[in-house]
Amino acid sequence: MADSSGELVGAAARAARKARLAAREAEQAVTIVSRGPQPKLNPQRVAAVNTESVEDVQSGRLKKRKNRKSSSSSASSSSSSSSSSGGKAKRAAKKAQAAAERMQKAARSMIPNWGAMRASHLLIKYAGSRNPVSKRTGESTAHISEAQAKAELQTYIDKIRAAGDVEEAFAKYAKQRSDCGSYRKGGDLGTFDAEQMQKEFSDATRATDVGTLSGIVKTESGFHVILRTE
């Protein structure tokens, strides 16, 4: 009885071991199925692939280095080309300016009496003047309209022309009425070049004969009558 019971225990233990092994094999089979069929690997191909991968990595690094060098060289070349272009542009601008100045001088040489001039003027400012304040009185001229300024200036032109001595009469009325600081000198502006005055004033002075009066001349400062003296 004891022998038979011992045999039964041994058989049960063996059966249990077999059951455990079968369970392990079943788990492994399930795992393999879930992963899918695994391809067979050729050892030589694996070695070649690994070698190619290393070479690809190395070549990629080389390419990156080359790209960095090329980008840096292109940046430096573009910088140098831009600076070179800037230098060329500056030199071209200087040449153009010099050529313009030569042309201007040539044009001036062809115009009679282009050089220095001398004149006196009587200025009446009005509301539209660039600085509507009289230098003679220090008061605003904002209350004077354009029509009023022109009409008043015409009365002085008539008085000066009616006088025997134009220069004396001009100096007298300029001291009495001109809104320019030159009123202290009877309107005398001294000697000046065309560039020193407003264009309208310079053109009118040049167009006026020495010793004669201009008509009414309008500039940003106001309305003038000019007596050219030189």
C-alpha atoms as a PDB file:
ATOM      1  CA  MET A   1       0.000   0.000   0.000  1.00  0.00           C
ATOM      2  CA  ALA A   2       2.816   2.268   0.896  1.00  0.00           C
ATOM      3  CA  ASP A   3       4.639   1.329  -2.276  1.00  0.00           C
ATOM      4  CA  SER A   4       1.646   2.005  -4.428  1.00  0.00           C
ATOM      5  CA  SER A   5       1.029   5.358  -2.761  1.00  0.00           C
ATOM      6  CA  GLY A   6       4.650   6.320  -3.333  1.00  0.00           C
ATOM      7  CA  GLU A   7       4.364   5.435  -6.984  1.00  0.00           C
ATOM      8  CA  LEU A   8       1.249   7.548  -7.257  1.00  0.00           C
ATOM      9  CA  VAL A   9       3.016  10.540  -5.711  1.00  0.00           C
ATOM     10  CA  GLY A  10       5.947  10.164  -8.092  1.00  0.00           C
ATOM     11  CA  ALA A  11       3.666   9.886 -11.094  1.00  0.00           C
ATOM     12  CA  ALA A  12       1.755  12.967 -10.007  1.00  0.00           C
ATOM     13  CA  ALA A  13       4.968  14.940  -9.608  1.00  0.00           C
ATOM     14  CA  ARG A  14       6.132  13.920 -13.064  1.00  0.00           C
ATOM     15  CA  ALA A  15       2.780  14.854 -14.543  1.00  0.00           C
ATOM     16  CA  ALA A  16       2.957  18.246 -12.848  1.00  0.00           C
ATOM     17  CA  ARG A  17       6.408  18.909 -14.272  1.00  0.00           C
ATOM     18  CA  LYS A  18       5.194  17.975 -17.738  1.00  0.00           C
ATOM     19  CA  ALA A  19       2.210  20.259 -17.333  1.00  0.00           C
ATOM     20  CA  ARG A  20       4.471  23.172 -16.352  1.00  0.00           C
ATOM     21  CA  LEU A  21       6.716  22.596 -19.382  1.00  0.00           C
ATOM     22  CA  ALA A  22       3.693  22.402 -21.662  1.00  0.00           C
ATOM     23  CA  ALA A  23       2.382  25.671 -20.244  1.00  0.00           C
ATOM     24  CA  ARG A  24       5.721  27.399 -20.850  1.00  0.00           C
ATOM     25  CA  GLU A  25       5.831  26.132 -24.434  1.00  0.00           C
ATOM     26  CA  ALA A  26       2.281  27.333 -24.995  1.00  0.00           C
ATOM     27  CA  GLU A  27       3.165  30.851 -23.700  1.00  0.00           C
ATOM     28  CA  GLN A  28       6.172  30.991 -25.984  1.00  0.00           C
ATOM     29  CA  ALA A  29       4.054  29.933 -28.952  1.00  0.00           C
ATOM     30  CA  VAL A  30       1.499  32.652 -28.217  1.00  0.00           C
ATOM     31  CA  THR A  31       4.250  35.259 -27.981  1.00  0.00           C
ATOM     32  CA  ILE A  32       5.787  34.188 -31.321  1.00  0.00           C
ATOM     33  CA  VAL A  33       2.413  34.234 -33.068  1.00  0.00           C
ATOM     34  CA  SER A  34       1.575  37.687 -31.758  1.00  0.00           C
ATOM     35  CA  ARG A  35       4.919  39.041 -32.994  1.00  0.00           C
ATOM     36  CA  GLY A  36       4.501  37.540 -36.404  1.00  0.00           C
ATOM     37  CA  PRO A  37       6.961  35.500 -38.394  1.00  0.00           C
ATOM     38  CA  GLN A  38      10.535  36.541 -37.784  1.00  0.00           C
ATOM     39  CA  PRO A  39      12.777  36.730 -40.892  1.00  0.00           C
ATOM     40  CA  LYS A  40      15.938  34.775 -40.997  1.00  0.00           C
ATOM     41  CA  LEU A  41      18.989  36.971 -40.821  1.00  0.00           C
ATOM     42  CA  ASN A  42      22.070  36.461 -42.932  1.00  0.00           C
ATOM     43  CA  PRO A  43      25.129  37.133 -40.738  1.00  0.00           C
ATOM     44  CA  GLN A  44      27.111  38.517 -43.689  1.00  0.00           C
ATOM     45  CA  ARG A  45      24.281  40.882 -44.609  1.00  0.00           C
ATOM     46  CA  VAL A  46      24.017  42.037 -41.013  1.00  0.00           C
ATOM     47  CA  ALA A  47      27.713  42.838 -40.983  1.00  0.00           C
ATOM     48  CA  ALA A  48      27.388  44.714 -44.323  1.00  0.00           C
ATOM     49  CA  VAL A  49      24.390  46.681 -43.086  1.00  0.00           C
ATOM     50  CA  ASN A  50      26.229  47.646 -39.927  1.00  0.00           C
ATOM     51  CA  THR A  51      29.222  48.751 -42.006  1.00  0.00           C
ATOM     52  CA  GLU A  52      26.990  50.788 -44.334  1.00  0.00           C
ATOM     53  CA  SER A  53      25.283  52.392 -41.352  1.00  0.00           C
ATOM     54  CA  VAL A  54      28.609  53.466 -39.952  1.00  0.00           C
ATOM     55  CA  GLU A  55      29.666  54.818 -43.343  1.00  0.00           C
ATOM     56  CA  ASP A  56      26.350  56.665 -43.726  1.00  0.00           C
ATOM     57  CA  VAL A  57      26.788  58.273 -40.355  1.00  0.00           C
ATOM     58  CA  GLN A  58      30.341  59.249 -41.190  1.00  0.00           C
ATOM     59  CA  SER A  59      29.363  60.586 -44.614  1.00  0.00           C
ATOM     60  CA  GLY A  60      26.475  62.473 -43.050  1.00  0.00           C
ATOM     61  CA  ARG A  61      28.865  64.147 -40.659  1.00  0.00           C
ATOM     62  CA  LEU A  62      31.144  64.994 -43.551  1.00  0.00           C
ATOM     63  CA  LYS A  63      28.215  66.445 -45.480  1.00  0.00           C
ATOM     64  CA  LYS A  64      27.200  68.549 -42.491  1.00  0.00           C
ATOM     65  CA  ARG A  65      30.756  69.795 -42.152  1.00  0.00           C
ATOM     66  CA  LYS A  66      30.887  70.594 -45.862  1.00  0.00           C
ATOM     67  CA  ASN A  67      27.521  72.367 -45.677  1.00  0.00           C
ATOM     68  CA  ARG A  68      28.707  74.412 -42.714  1.00  0.00           C
ATOM     69  CA  LYS A  69      31.893  75.347 -44.557  1.00  0.00           C
ATOM     70  CA  SER A  70      30.011  76.201 -47.742  1.00  0.00           C
ATOM     71  CA  SER A  71      27.417  78.245 -45.843  1.00  0.00           C
ATOM     72  CA  SER A  72      30.114  80.124 -43.943  1.00  0.00           C
ATOM     73  CA  SER A  73      32.076  80.719 -47.128  1.00  0.00           C
ATOM     74  CA  SER A  74      28.950  81.855 -48.975  1.00  0.00           C
ATOM     75  CA  ALA A  75      28.075  84.170 -46.077  1.00  0.00           C
ATOM     76  CA  SER A  76      31.553  85.659 -46.083  1.00  0.00           C
ATOM     77  CA  SER A  77      31.479  85.997 -49.858  1.00  0.00           C
ATOM     78  CA  SER A  78      28.057  87.644 -49.753  1.00  0.00           C
ATOM     79  CA  SER A  79      29.284  89.979 -47.017  1.00  0.00           C
ATOM     80  CA  SER A  80      32.356  90.894 -49.010  1.00  0.00           C
ATOM     81  CA  SER A  81      30.282  91.320 -52.171  1.00  0.00           C
ATOM     82  CA  SER A  82      27.789  93.560 -50.351  1.00  0.00           C
ATOM     83  CA  SER A  83      30.590  95.691 -48.922  1.00  0.00           C
ATOM     84  CA  SER A  84      32.168  95.835 -52.358  1.00  0.00           C
ATOM     85  CA  SER A  85      28.827  96.859 -53.871  1.00  0.00           C
ATOM     86  CA  GLY A  86      28.422  99.520 -51.174  1.00  0.00           C
ATOM     87  CA  GLY A  87      31.874 100.905 -51.958  1.00  0.00           C
ATOM     88  CA  LYS A  88      31.102 100.991 -55.670  1.00  0.00           C
ATOM     89  CA  ALA A  89      27.811 102.762 -55.019  1.00  0.00           C
ATOM     90  CA  LYS A  90      29.539 105.412 -52.900  1.00  0.00           C
ATOM     91  CA  ARG A  91      32.192 106.005 -55.530  1.00  0.00           C
ATOM     92  CA  ALA A  92      29.539 106.242 -58.236  1.00  0.00           C
ATOM     93  CA  ALA A  93      27.569 108.737 -56.131  1.00  0.00           C
ATOM     94  CA  LYS A  94      30.669 110.889 -55.647  1.00  0.00           C
ATOM     95  CA  LYS A  95      31.390 110.849 -59.363  1.00  0.00           C
ATOM     96  CA  ALA A  96      27.793 111.795 -60.154  1.00  0.00           C
ATOM     97  CA  GLN A  97      27.906 114.647 -57.648  1.00  0.00           C
ATOM     98  CA  ALA A  98      31.179 115.947 -59.073  1.00  0.00           C
ATOM     99  CA  ALA A  99      29.749 115.769 -62.596  1.00  0.00           C
ATOM    100  CA  ALA A 100      26.637 117.657 -61.486  1.00  0.00           C
ATOM    101  CA  GLU A 101      28.763 120.377 -59.898  1.00  0.00           C
ATOM    102  CA  ARG A 102      30.812 120.749 -63.080  1.00  0.00           C
ATOM    103  CA  MET A 103      27.646 121.026 -65.155  1.00  0.00           C
ATOM    104  CA  GLN A 104      26.245 123.635 -62.774  1.00  0.00           C
ATOM    105  CA  LYS A 105      29.400 125.715 -62.980  1.00  0.00           C
ATOM    106  CA  ALA A 106      29.356 125.488 -66.766  1.00  0.00           C
ATOM    107  CA  ALA A 107      25.722 126.592 -66.850  1.00  0.00           C
ATOM    108  CA  ARG A 108      26.458 129.554 -64.582  1.00  0.00           C
ATOM    109  CA  SER A 109      29.321 130.667 -66.774  1.00  0.00           C
ATOM    110  CA  MET A 110      26.884 130.967 -69.672  1.00  0.00           C
ATOM    111  CA  ILE A 111      24.447 133.228 -67.764  1.00  0.00           C
ATOM    112  CA  PRO A 112      25.254 136.977 -67.768  1.00  0.00           C
ATOM    113  CA  ASN A 113      25.791 138.595 -64.352  1.00  0.00           C
ATOM    114  CA  TRP A 114      25.584 135.271 -62.547  1.00  0.00           C
ATOM    115  CA  GLY A 115      28.176 136.164 -59.925  1.00  0.00           C
ATOM    116  CA  ALA A 116      27.822 138.279 -56.809  1.00  0.00           C
ATOM    117  CA  MET A 117      25.070 140.887 -56.708  1.00  0.00           C
ATOM    118  CA  ARG A 118      24.137 143.715 -54.396  1.00  0.00           C
ATOM    119  CA  ALA A 119      20.662 145.023 -53.704  1.00  0.00           C
ATOM    120  CA  SER A 120      18.335 146.651 -51.217  1.00  0.00           C
ATOM    121  CA  HIS A 121      14.769 145.606 -50.580  1.00  0.00           C
ATOM    122  CA  LEU A 122      11.613 146.624 -48.793  1.00  0.00           C
ATOM    123  CA  LEU A 123       9.718 143.672 -47.336  1.00  0.00           C
ATOM    124  CA  ILE A 124       6.106 143.575 -46.199  1.00  0.00           C
ATOM    125  CA  LYS A 125       5.080 140.423 -44.353  1.00  0.00           C
ATOM    126  CA  TYR A 126       1.562 139.068 -44.080  1.00  0.00           C
ATOM    127  CA  ALA A 127      -0.382 136.205 -42.501  1.00  0.00           C
ATOM    128  CA  GLY A 128       1.035 133.648 -44.943  1.00  0.00           C
ATOM    129  CA  SER A 129       4.680 134.570 -44.397  1.00  0.00           C
ATOM    130  CA  ARG A 130       7.077 131.896 -43.196  1.00  0.00           C
ATOM    131  CA  ASN A 131       7.675 133.918 -40.028  1.00  0.00           C
ATOM    132  CA  PRO A 132       4.797 136.398 -39.694  1.00  0.00           C
ATOM    133  CA  VAL A 133       6.579 138.726 -37.290  1.00  0.00           C
ATOM    134  CA  SER A 134       8.060 142.109 -38.239  1.00  0.00           C
ATOM    135  CA  LYS A 135      11.778 142.442 -37.452  1.00  0.00           C
ATOM    136  CA  ARG A 136      11.257 146.189 -37.243  1.00  0.00           C
ATOM    137  CA  THR A 137       8.418 146.282 -34.684  1.00  0.00           C
ATOM    138  CA  GLY A 138       8.534 142.774 -33.237  1.00  0.00           C
ATOM    139  CA  GLU A 139       4.776 142.529 -33.764  1.00  0.00           C
ATOM    140  CA  SER A 140       2.813 139.823 -35.538  1.00  0.00           C
ATOM    141  CA  THR A 141       1.703 140.355 -39.135  1.00  0.00           C
ATOM    142  CA  ALA A 142      -0.919 137.596 -38.954  1.00  0.00           C
ATOM    143  CA  HIS A 143      -3.698 140.190 -39.295  1.00  0.00           C
ATOM    144  CA  ILE A 144      -2.426 141.373 -42.709  1.00  0.00           C
ATOM    145  CA  SER A 145      -3.899 139.601 -45.721  1.00  0.00           C
ATOM    146  CA  GLU A 146      -2.024 138.883 -48.938  1.00  0.00           C
ATOM    147  CA  ALA A 147      -4.069 141.441 -50.857  1.00  0.00           C
ATOM    148  CA  GLN A 148      -3.418 144.117 -48.230  1.00  0.00           C
ATOM    149  CA  ALA A 149       0.334 143.476 -48.254  1.00  0.00           C
ATOM    150  CA  LYS A 150       0.543 143.699 -52.054  1.00  0.00           C
ATOM    151  CA  ALA A 151      -1.561 146.843 -52.207  1.00  0.00           C
ATOM    152  CA  GLU A 152       0.510 148.571 -49.524  1.00  0.00           C
ATOM    153  CA  LEU A 153       3.786 147.610 -51.206  1.00  0.00           C
ATOM    154  CA  GLN A 154       2.563 149.023 -54.505  1.00  0.00           C
ATOM    155  CA  THR A 155       1.987 152.412 -52.863  1.00  0.00           C
ATOM    156  CA  TYR A 156       5.634 152.473 -51.755  1.00  0.00           C
ATOM    157  CA  ILE A 157       6.803 151.495 -55.244  1.00  0.00           C
ATOM    158  CA  ASP A 158       4.840 154.406 -56.659  1.00  0.00           C
ATOM    159  CA  LYS A 159       6.327 156.821 -54.084  1.00  0.00           C
ATOM    160  CA  ILE A 160       9.893 155.673 -54.761  1.00  0.00           C
ATOM    161  CA  ARG A 161       9.503 155.941 -58.513  1.00  0.00           C
ATOM    162  CA  ALA A 162       8.011 159.397 -58.177  1.00  0.00           C
ATOM    163  CA  ALA A 163      10.983 160.634 -56.140  1.00  0.00           C
ATOM    164  CA  GLY A 164      13.896 162.414 -57.774  1.00  0.00           C
ATOM    165  CA  ASP A 165      16.583 160.262 -56.101  1.00  0.00           C
ATOM    166  CA  VAL A 166      15.496 156.640 -56.191  1.00  0.00           C
ATOM    167  CA  GLU A 167      18.188 155.320 -53.861  1.00  0.00           C
ATOM    168  CA  GLU A 168      17.574 157.960 -51.240  1.00  0.00           C
ATOM    169  CA  ALA A 169      13.818 157.495 -51.379  1.00  0.00           C
ATOM    170  CA  PHE A 170      14.183 153.731 -51.214  1.00  0.00           C
ATOM    171  CA  ALA A 171      16.364 153.894 -48.100  1.00  0.00           C
ATOM    172  CA  LYS A 172      13.909 156.321 -46.465  1.00  0.00           C
ATOM    173  CA  TYR A 173      10.834 154.145 -46.976  1.00  0.00           C
ATOM    174  CA  ALA A 174      12.653 150.911 -46.158  1.00  0.00           C
ATOM    175  CA  LYS A 175      13.576 152.353 -42.753  1.00  0.00           C
ATOM    176  CA  GLN A 176       9.966 153.398 -42.217  1.00  0.00           C
ATOM    177  CA  ARG A 177       8.165 150.261 -43.345  1.00  0.00           C
ATOM    178  CA  SER A 178      10.291 147.183 -44.155  1.00  0.00           C
ATOM    179  CA  ASP A 179       9.684 144.136 -41.957  1.00  0.00           C
ATOM    180  CA  CYS A 180      13.206 142.812 -42.621  1.00  0.00           C
ATOM    181  CA  GLY A 181      16.075 143.416 -40.211  1.00  0.00           C
ATOM    182  CA  SER A 182      17.859 145.232 -43.023  1.00  0.00           C
ATOM    183  CA  TYR A 183      15.524 148.215 -42.423  1.00  0.00           C
ATOM    184  CA  ARG A 184      18.260 149.620 -40.159  1.00  0.00           C
ATOM    185  CA  LYS A 185      20.498 149.996 -43.227  1.00  0.00           C
ATOM    186  CA  GLY A 186      17.781 151.364 -45.468  1.00  0.00           C
ATOM    187  CA  GLY A 187      17.091 147.878 -46.849  1.00  0.00           C
ATOM    188  CA  ASP A 188      20.692 147.259 -47.980  1.00  0.00           C
ATOM    189  CA  LEU A 189      21.499 143.536 -48.057  1.00  0.00           C
ATOM    190  CA  GLY A 190      25.114 143.963 -49.104  1.00  0.00           C
ATOM    191  CA  THR A 191      26.780 141.677 -51.628  1.00  0.00           C
ATOM    192  CA  PHE A 192      25.422 138.144 -52.008  1.00  0.00           C
ATOM    193  CA  ASP A 193      25.489 135.149 -54.330  1.00  0.00           C
ATOM    194  CA  ALA A 194      22.379 133.600 -55.810  1.00  0.00           C
ATOM    195  CA  GLU A 195      22.556 130.607 -53.457  1.00  0.00           C
ATOM    196  CA  GLN A 196      22.417 132.819 -50.379  1.00  0.00           C
ATOM    197  CA  MET A 197      18.906 134.052 -51.084  1.00  0.00           C
ATOM    198  CA  GLN A 198      15.605 132.420 -51.888  1.00  0.00           C
ATOM    199  CA  LYS A 199      15.423 131.488 -55.554  1.00  0.00           C
ATOM    200  CA  GLU A 200      12.594 133.891 -56.401  1.00  0.00           C
ATOM    201  CA  PHE A 201      14.527 136.755 -54.835  1.00  0.00           C
ATOM    202  CA  SER A 202      17.805 135.901 -56.601  1.00  0.00           C
ATOM    203  CA  ASP A 203      16.106 135.467 -59.969  1.00  0.00           C
ATOM    204  CA  ALA A 204      14.288 138.811 -59.621  1.00  0.00           C
ATOM    205  CA  THR A 205      17.489 140.605 -58.599  1.00  0.00           C
ATOM    206  CA  ARG A 206      19.393 139.161 -61.548  1.00  0.00           C
ATOM    207  CA  ALA A 207      16.590 140.195 -63.912  1.00  0.00           C
ATOM    208  CA  THR A 208      16.655 143.779 -62.627  1.00  0.00           C
ATOM    209  CA  ASP A 209      19.075 146.297 -64.106  1.00  0.00           C
ATOM    210  CA  VAL A 210      21.467 148.072 -61.768  1.00  0.00           C
ATOM    211  CA  GLY A 211      19.949 151.339 -60.451  1.00  0.00           C
ATOM    212  CA  THR A 212      16.344 150.292 -61.143  1.00  0.00           C
ATOM    213  CA  LEU A 213      13.438 148.815 -59.219  1.00  0.00           C
ATOM    214  CA  SER A 214      11.897 145.390 -59.624  1.00  0.00           C
ATOM    215  CA  GLY A 215       8.197 144.704 -59.607  1.00  0.00           C
ATOM    216  CA  ILE A 216       6.488 142.993 -56.674  1.00  0.00           C
ATOM    217  CA  VAL A 217       8.354 139.786 -55.801  1.00  0.00           C
ATOM    218  CA  LYS A 218       6.728 137.079 -53.679  1.00  0.00           C
ATOM    219  CA  THR A 219       8.785 134.658 -51.582  1.00  0.00           C
ATOM    220  CA  GLU A 220       8.148 132.588 -48.474  1.00  0.00           C
ATOM    221  CA  SER A 221       9.112 135.621 -46.404  1.00  0.00           C
ATOM    222  CA  GLY A 222       6.499 137.924 -47.917  1.00  0.00           C
ATOM    223  CA  PHE A 223       6.333 140.581 -50.666  1.00  0.00           C
ATOM    224  CA  HIS A 224       9.420 142.529 -51.742  1.00  0.00           C
ATOM    225  CA  VAL A 225      10.407 145.402 -53.962  1.00  0.00           C
ATOM    226  CA  ILE A 226      14.093 145.246 -54.909  1.00  0.00           C
ATOM    227  CA  LEU A 227      16.519 147.997 -55.815  1.00  0.00           C
ATOM    228  CA  ARG A 228      19.575 146.488 -57.464  1.00  0.00           C
ATOM    229  CA  THR A 229      22.694 148.512 -56.709  1.00  0.00           C
ATOM    230  CA  GLU A 230      25.462 146.323 -58.176  1.00  0.00           C
END
